[in-house]
Amino acid sequence: MGDIHDTGFEIVDPGFRSIILFNAPIEKLAEGFRWIEGLVWMGDWNALLFQDLPRDRTMLWSEASGLSVWRFPSGHANGQARDREGRVVFCSNTARALCRVEHDGSVSVLADRVEGRRLNSPNDVAVKSDGSIWFTDPVYGIANDYEGTRQASEIAPAVYRLDGATGALDNVSEAFAGPNGIAFSPDERRLYVAETGDQSKPDPVQVLRVLDLGADGRPAGPARDFAKVSPGYTDGMAIDEEGRIWSSAGDGVHCMSPDGTLLGRIRLPAPVSNLCFGGSPHRNRLFIGASHALYAVFVNTRGARWP
């Protein structure tokens, strides 16, 4: 099961006490990665998929068999999610595309261009219950040769919506210098997007923003600032059944209420990049990618499910 570390819970708001388990240790499941991204739980496999991004491989971890390589090369895969048919949809820095692993193991490109111009480097993805696929497209994966290939950008960073039925690609918002992690609230009336800014600037804007969605499922207005994590910033996030946001941070994981109030922290020895809820059958285990190591902890809540 891995090394067991002292719990690093920090209570900020009394309400945090009811959603953590003080007898559930923070466990280090595996380590030695260059940078972890794209955690997604595969419930029917009882396993976790995640990226060892700079090594260009997708890893699989399970309680029964431990760690193995699932796909190599992965196309410098980054964020990933499952669609309504159980397929893995992933962002590829190498292909500069949104892709999907089909049931037979082949890979399809879902979107790689907008009006004839190449996407930058899709970063994170979320699938809505209507089958639409929403993803962020910053320049991070083409800014250097460590997590992809350094190339010129052809379009501005943006958030996109891909129609699951028609394949039509819509630009949802260009109000981000570096759109990163993306997630829906449990009722899908909110879309959270992490703004991690223009990394070429000395003081990039780094804030978690939210888009309110109308009855038609489309944005009802411009993105607004929701919360700011410190130290560090929101990169990836996971949403629980009560709509709380569990955000990556420079000192671990920060848990916020649906109104943005900080409830508490899970402190870890390295900055967190991404996280997700998993564990069968209850989805009450929080899996955490902390830079070079994979951690997990059981909590007294469950990950959000599709409506």
Protein backbone atom coordinates (compact mmCIF):
# COMPACT_ATOMS: atom_id res chain seq x y z
CA MET A 1 0.00 0.00 0.00
CA GLY A 2 2.96 2.33 0.16
CA ASP A 3 4.53 4.39 2.89
CA ILE A 4 2.22 5.95 5.45
CA HIS A 5 2.82 9.56 6.37
CA ASP A 6 1.51 11.66 9.23
CA THR A 7 -1.81 13.28 8.40
CA GLY A 8 -1.37 16.87 7.28
CA PHE A 9 -4.86 18.19 7.90
CA GLU A 10 -5.21 21.86 8.79
CA ILE A 11 -8.61 23.07 9.99
CA VAL A 12 -9.43 26.59 8.80
CA ASP A 13 -13.21 26.43 9.12
CA PRO A 14 -14.93 24.11 11.65
CA GLY A 15 -16.96 22.58 8.83
CA PHE A 16 -13.81 20.89 7.54
CA ARG A 17 -13.79 18.53 10.51
CA SER A 18 -16.86 16.68 9.28
CA ILE A 19 -15.39 15.85 5.88
CA ILE A 20 -12.00 14.49 6.90
CA LEU A 21 -11.11 11.30 8.73
CA PHE A 22 -8.40 11.70 11.32
CA ASN A 23 -7.70 7.96 11.42
CA ALA A 24 -7.22 7.80 7.63
CA PRO A 25 -3.53 8.31 6.85
CA ILE A 26 -2.12 10.17 3.90
CA GLU A 27 -0.47 7.40 1.89
CA LYS A 28 2.34 7.68 -0.63
CA LEU A 29 1.41 5.18 -3.32
CA ALA A 30 4.32 5.67 -5.74
CA GLU A 31 7.14 8.09 -6.50
CA GLY A 32 9.97 8.83 -8.91
CA PHE A 33 7.94 10.62 -11.59
CA ARG A 34 9.08 13.78 -13.33
CA TRP A 35 5.73 15.59 -13.12
CA ILE A 36 2.28 14.09 -12.51
CA GLU A 37 -0.79 15.32 -14.38
CA GLY A 38 -4.18 14.14 -15.61
CA LEU A 39 -5.52 11.91 -12.82
CA VAL A 40 -8.73 10.06 -13.72
CA TRP A 41 -10.46 7.20 -11.90
CA MET A 42 -11.49 4.14 -13.92
CA GLY A 43 -14.26 2.68 -11.77
CA ASP A 44 -14.87 -0.45 -13.83
CA TRP A 45 -11.14 -1.22 -13.66
CA ASN A 46 -10.84 -0.23 -10.00
CA ALA A 47 -7.73 1.64 -11.08
CA LEU A 48 -6.28 5.11 -11.51
CA LEU A 49 -4.79 6.53 -14.70
CA PHE A 50 -2.36 9.46 -14.57
CA GLN A 51 0.38 11.03 -16.63
CA ASP A 52 4.11 11.01 -16.05
CA LEU A 53 4.06 13.91 -18.48
CA PRO A 54 7.72 14.67 -19.26
CA ARG A 55 8.41 10.94 -19.69
CA ASP A 56 5.61 10.77 -22.28
CA ARG A 57 3.78 7.91 -20.60
CA THR A 58 0.38 7.24 -19.07
CA MET A 59 0.57 5.23 -15.86
CA LEU A 60 -1.95 2.86 -14.27
CA TRP A 61 -2.14 2.24 -10.53
CA SER A 62 -4.40 -0.24 -8.75
CA GLU A 63 -4.61 -1.54 -5.20
CA ALA A 64 -4.39 -5.10 -6.49
CA SER A 65 -1.41 -4.88 -8.84
CA GLY A 66 0.37 -1.64 -8.06
CA LEU A 67 1.98 0.47 -10.79
CA SER A 68 2.36 -0.20 -14.51
CA VAL A 69 2.65 1.70 -17.80
CA TRP A 70 -0.68 1.91 -19.67
CA ARG A 71 0.37 3.84 -22.81
CA PHE A 72 3.83 4.72 -24.11
CA PRO A 73 4.38 6.97 -25.89
CA SER A 74 1.33 8.86 -24.75
CA GLY A 75 1.70 11.85 -27.07
CA HIS A 76 2.78 13.85 -24.01
CA ALA A 77 -0.76 13.41 -22.75
CA ASN A 78 -1.91 15.89 -20.11
CA GLY A 79 -5.44 16.21 -18.70
CA GLN A 80 -7.87 13.37 -19.31
CA ALA A 81 -11.45 12.35 -18.56
CA ARG A 82 -13.95 9.62 -19.46
CA ASP A 83 -16.81 10.21 -21.86
CA ARG A 84 -20.34 8.84 -21.59
CA GLU A 85 -19.25 5.60 -23.29
CA GLY A 86 -16.34 5.00 -20.92
CA ARG A 87 -13.63 6.00 -23.38
CA VAL A 88 -10.63 8.05 -22.25
CA VAL A 89 -10.54 11.55 -23.71
CA PHE A 90 -7.14 13.19 -23.33
CA CYS A 91 -5.17 16.32 -24.18
CA SER A 92 -2.02 15.78 -26.23
CA ASN A 93 0.87 18.24 -26.23
CA THR A 94 2.63 16.37 -29.05
CA ALA A 95 -0.40 16.31 -31.36
CA ARG A 96 -1.60 19.73 -30.18
CA ALA A 97 -5.00 18.08 -30.08
CA LEU A 98 -7.90 16.70 -28.09
CA CYS A 99 -7.84 12.93 -28.58
CA ARG A 100 -9.71 9.80 -27.51
CA VAL A 101 -8.64 6.24 -26.79
CA GLU A 102 -11.23 4.01 -28.43
CA HIS A 103 -12.44 0.73 -26.96
CA ASP A 104 -10.07 -1.19 -29.23
CA GLY A 105 -7.08 0.84 -28.04
CA SER A 106 -6.72 2.97 -31.16
CA VAL A 107 -6.44 6.75 -30.81
CA SER A 108 -8.72 9.23 -32.60
CA VAL A 109 -8.19 12.97 -32.96
CA LEU A 110 -11.33 14.84 -31.93
CA ALA A 111 -10.09 18.39 -32.48
CA ASP A 112 -6.76 19.87 -33.55
CA ARG A 113 -7.65 23.03 -35.47
CA VAL A 114 -9.85 26.10 -35.22
CA GLU A 115 -10.72 27.75 -38.54
CA GLY A 116 -7.70 26.13 -40.14
CA ARG A 117 -5.22 27.13 -37.41
CA ARG A 118 -3.64 24.64 -35.04
CA LEU A 119 -4.62 24.48 -31.40
CA ASN A 120 -1.84 25.36 -28.97
CA SER A 121 -1.59 22.49 -26.48
CA PRO A 122 -4.89 21.35 -24.94
CA ASN A 123 -4.28 21.06 -21.21
CA ASP A 124 -7.30 19.78 -19.29
CA VAL A 125 -10.71 18.39 -20.19
CA ALA A 126 -14.14 17.84 -18.62
CA VAL A 127 -17.07 15.93 -20.10
CA LYS A 128 -20.61 17.20 -19.47
CA SER A 129 -23.59 14.88 -19.02
CA ASP A 130 -24.95 15.90 -22.44
CA GLY A 131 -21.82 14.43 -24.02
CA SER A 132 -20.17 17.76 -24.83
CA ILE A 133 -16.43 17.96 -24.14
CA TRP A 134 -14.94 21.14 -22.68
CA PHE A 135 -11.21 21.79 -22.67
CA THR A 136 -8.58 24.45 -22.09
CA ASP A 137 -5.91 25.42 -24.61
CA PRO A 138 -2.94 27.39 -23.23
CA VAL A 139 0.53 27.52 -24.81
CA TYR A 140 2.33 25.62 -22.03
CA GLY A 141 2.86 22.38 -23.98
CA ILE A 142 4.53 24.18 -26.90
CA ALA A 143 6.59 26.61 -24.80
CA ASN A 144 9.50 24.18 -24.32
CA ASP A 145 10.81 20.72 -25.20
CA TYR A 146 10.31 19.22 -21.73
CA GLU A 147 6.59 18.43 -21.90
CA GLY A 148 6.22 18.41 -25.68
CA THR A 149 7.92 20.26 -28.53
CA ARG A 150 8.64 23.97 -28.64
CA GLN A 151 6.58 25.47 -31.45
CA ALA A 152 4.96 28.74 -32.44
CA SER A 153 1.44 29.53 -31.33
CA GLU A 154 -1.12 30.20 -34.05
CA ILE A 155 -4.09 31.27 -31.91
CA ALA A 156 -4.82 32.92 -28.58
CA PRO A 157 -5.31 30.74 -25.48
CA ALA A 158 -8.97 29.87 -24.97
CA VAL A 159 -11.57 27.53 -23.50
CA TYR A 160 -13.48 25.37 -26.01
CA ARG A 161 -16.62 23.25 -26.19
CA LEU A 162 -16.76 20.28 -28.54
CA ASP A 163 -20.24 19.02 -29.41
CA GLY A 164 -20.22 15.29 -28.72
CA ALA A 165 -22.75 14.56 -31.45
CA THR A 166 -21.76 16.87 -34.31
CA GLY A 167 -18.08 17.52 -33.59
CA ALA A 168 -18.64 21.27 -33.84
CA LEU A 169 -16.02 23.25 -31.92
CA ASP A 170 -17.04 26.48 -30.18
CA ASN A 171 -14.78 29.07 -28.57
CA VAL A 172 -16.27 29.50 -25.07
CA SER A 173 -13.93 32.17 -23.75
CA GLU A 174 -10.66 33.92 -24.58
CA ALA A 175 -10.62 35.78 -21.24
CA PHE A 176 -7.62 33.73 -20.05
CA ALA A 177 -3.89 34.18 -20.58
CA GLY A 178 -3.28 30.59 -19.45
CA PRO A 179 -6.44 28.51 -19.02
CA ASN A 180 -5.49 25.36 -17.13
CA GLY A 181 -7.60 23.01 -14.96
CA ILE A 182 -11.31 22.72 -15.74
CA ALA A 183 -14.26 21.16 -13.85
CA PHE A 184 -18.05 21.35 -13.58
CA SER A 185 -20.08 21.83 -10.42
CA PRO A 186 -22.27 18.79 -9.59
CA ASP A 187 -25.38 20.44 -11.09
CA GLU A 188 -23.37 21.61 -14.12
CA ARG A 189 -24.51 25.19 -13.65
CA ARG A 190 -20.93 26.33 -13.10
CA LEU A 191 -17.72 25.76 -15.01
CA TYR A 192 -14.56 26.30 -13.01
CA VAL A 193 -11.41 27.24 -14.95
CA ALA A 194 -7.99 27.77 -13.42
CA GLU A 195 -6.19 30.81 -14.78
CA THR A 196 -2.45 30.21 -14.35
CA GLY A 197 -1.42 33.09 -16.54
CA ASP A 198 1.29 33.99 -18.98
CA GLN A 199 4.28 32.12 -17.60
CA SER A 200 6.69 34.33 -19.58
CA LYS A 201 5.79 37.27 -17.34
CA PRO A 202 7.38 37.82 -13.90
CA ASP A 203 4.02 38.09 -12.12
CA PRO A 204 1.36 36.16 -14.06
CA VAL A 205 -2.30 36.39 -13.06
CA GLN A 206 -3.16 33.19 -11.20
CA VAL A 207 -6.73 32.82 -9.95
CA LEU A 208 -9.58 30.32 -10.06
CA ARG A 209 -12.41 31.66 -12.19
CA VAL A 210 -15.97 30.49 -12.79
CA LEU A 211 -18.36 30.70 -15.71
CA ASP A 212 -22.07 30.58 -14.86
CA LEU A 213 -23.96 28.44 -17.34
CA GLY A 214 -27.47 29.21 -18.54
CA ALA A 215 -30.43 26.92 -19.11
CA ASP A 216 -29.03 26.05 -22.55
CA GLY A 217 -25.80 24.87 -20.96
CA ARG A 218 -23.79 27.72 -22.46
CA PRO A 219 -22.02 30.54 -20.57
CA ALA A 220 -24.52 33.13 -19.33
CA GLY A 221 -21.88 35.82 -18.92
CA PRO A 222 -18.14 36.45 -18.74
CA ALA A 223 -15.81 34.54 -16.44
CA ARG A 224 -15.53 36.01 -12.95
CA ASP A 225 -12.90 35.57 -10.26
CA PHE A 226 -13.93 32.94 -7.71
CA ALA A 227 -11.00 32.25 -5.37
CA LYS A 228 -7.26 32.66 -5.11
CA VAL A 229 -5.07 29.90 -3.69
CA SER A 230 -1.92 30.80 -1.78
CA PRO A 231 0.80 29.62 -1.66
CA GLY A 232 0.95 28.44 -5.23
CA TYR A 233 -2.13 28.46 -7.44
CA THR A 234 -5.00 26.35 -8.71
CA ASP A 235 -3.71 24.04 -11.43
CA GLY A 236 -6.03 21.03 -11.24
CA MET A 237 -9.08 20.51 -9.06
CA ALA A 238 -11.65 17.90 -8.00
CA ILE A 239 -15.29 18.56 -7.06
CA ASP A 240 -17.13 16.58 -4.39
CA GLU A 241 -20.82 15.70 -4.14
CA GLU A 242 -21.62 18.84 -2.11
CA GLY A 243 -19.98 21.11 -4.66
CA ARG A 244 -16.83 21.76 -2.64
CA ILE A 245 -13.71 22.47 -4.66
CA TRP A 246 -10.53 20.59 -3.76
CA SER A 247 -7.77 22.59 -5.40
CA SER A 248 -4.09 22.00 -6.00
CA ALA A 249 -1.81 24.42 -4.14
CA GLY A 250 1.83 25.09 -3.42
CA ASP A 251 1.58 23.42 -0.01
CA GLY A 252 -0.80 20.57 -0.85
CA VAL A 253 -4.57 20.61 -1.36
CA HIS A 254 -6.98 23.39 -0.38
CA CYS A 255 -10.67 22.60 0.17
CA MET A 256 -13.15 25.41 -0.52
CA SER A 257 -16.90 25.65 -0.06
CA PRO A 258 -19.13 26.39 -3.08
CA ASP A 259 -18.99 30.09 -2.15
CA GLY A 260 -15.18 30.11 -2.21
CA THR A 261 -14.55 30.02 1.55
CA LEU A 262 -11.38 28.15 2.49
CA LEU A 263 -12.35 25.26 4.77
CA GLY A 264 -9.05 23.51 5.27
CA ARG A 265 -5.85 22.15 3.81
CA ILE A 266 -4.18 18.80 3.30
CA ARG A 267 -0.51 19.62 3.63
CA LEU A 268 2.02 17.71 1.54
CA PRO A 269 5.81 17.99 1.14
CA ALA A 270 5.62 19.16 -2.52
CA PRO A 271 3.37 21.35 -4.68
CA VAL A 272 0.30 19.58 -6.03
CA SER A 273 -0.42 19.64 -9.74
CA ASN A 274 -3.64 17.66 -10.05
CA LEU A 275 -6.07 15.42 -8.17
CA CYS A 276 -9.26 13.42 -8.51
CA PHE A 277 -11.77 11.43 -6.49
CA GLY A 278 -11.84 7.67 -6.91
CA GLY A 279 -12.02 4.36 -5.12
CA SER A 280 -14.71 1.77 -5.75
CA PRO A 281 -17.55 1.75 -5.04
CA HIS A 282 -17.90 5.04 -3.13
CA ARG A 283 -15.44 7.48 -4.80
CA ASN A 284 -14.41 8.58 -1.30
CA ARG A 285 -10.66 8.46 -1.86
CA LEU A 286 -8.79 11.55 -2.98
CA PHE A 287 -5.85 10.77 -5.28
CA ILE A 288 -3.23 13.52 -5.43
CA GLY A 289 -0.36 14.16 -7.82
CA ALA A 290 2.22 16.06 -5.79
CA SER A 291 4.89 16.90 -8.35
CA HIS A 292 6.99 13.69 -8.34
CA ALA A 293 4.91 11.43 -6.07
CA LEU A 294 1.38 9.99 -6.01
CA TYR A 295 -0.57 10.24 -2.74
CA ALA A 296 -4.06 9.22 -1.62
CA VAL A 297 -6.28 9.76 1.40
CA PHE A 298 -9.79 8.63 2.31
CA VAL A 299 -12.20 11.46 3.16
CA ASN A 300 -15.75 11.67 4.51
CA THR A 301 -17.31 12.80 1.24
CA ARG A 302 -17.65 11.43 -2.27
CA GLY A 303 -16.63 12.74 -5.64
CA ALA A 304 -19.33 14.38 -7.72
CA ARG A 305 -21.12 12.26 -10.28
CA TRP A 306 -22.84 13.32 -13.49
CA PRO A 307 -26.50 14.32 -13.08
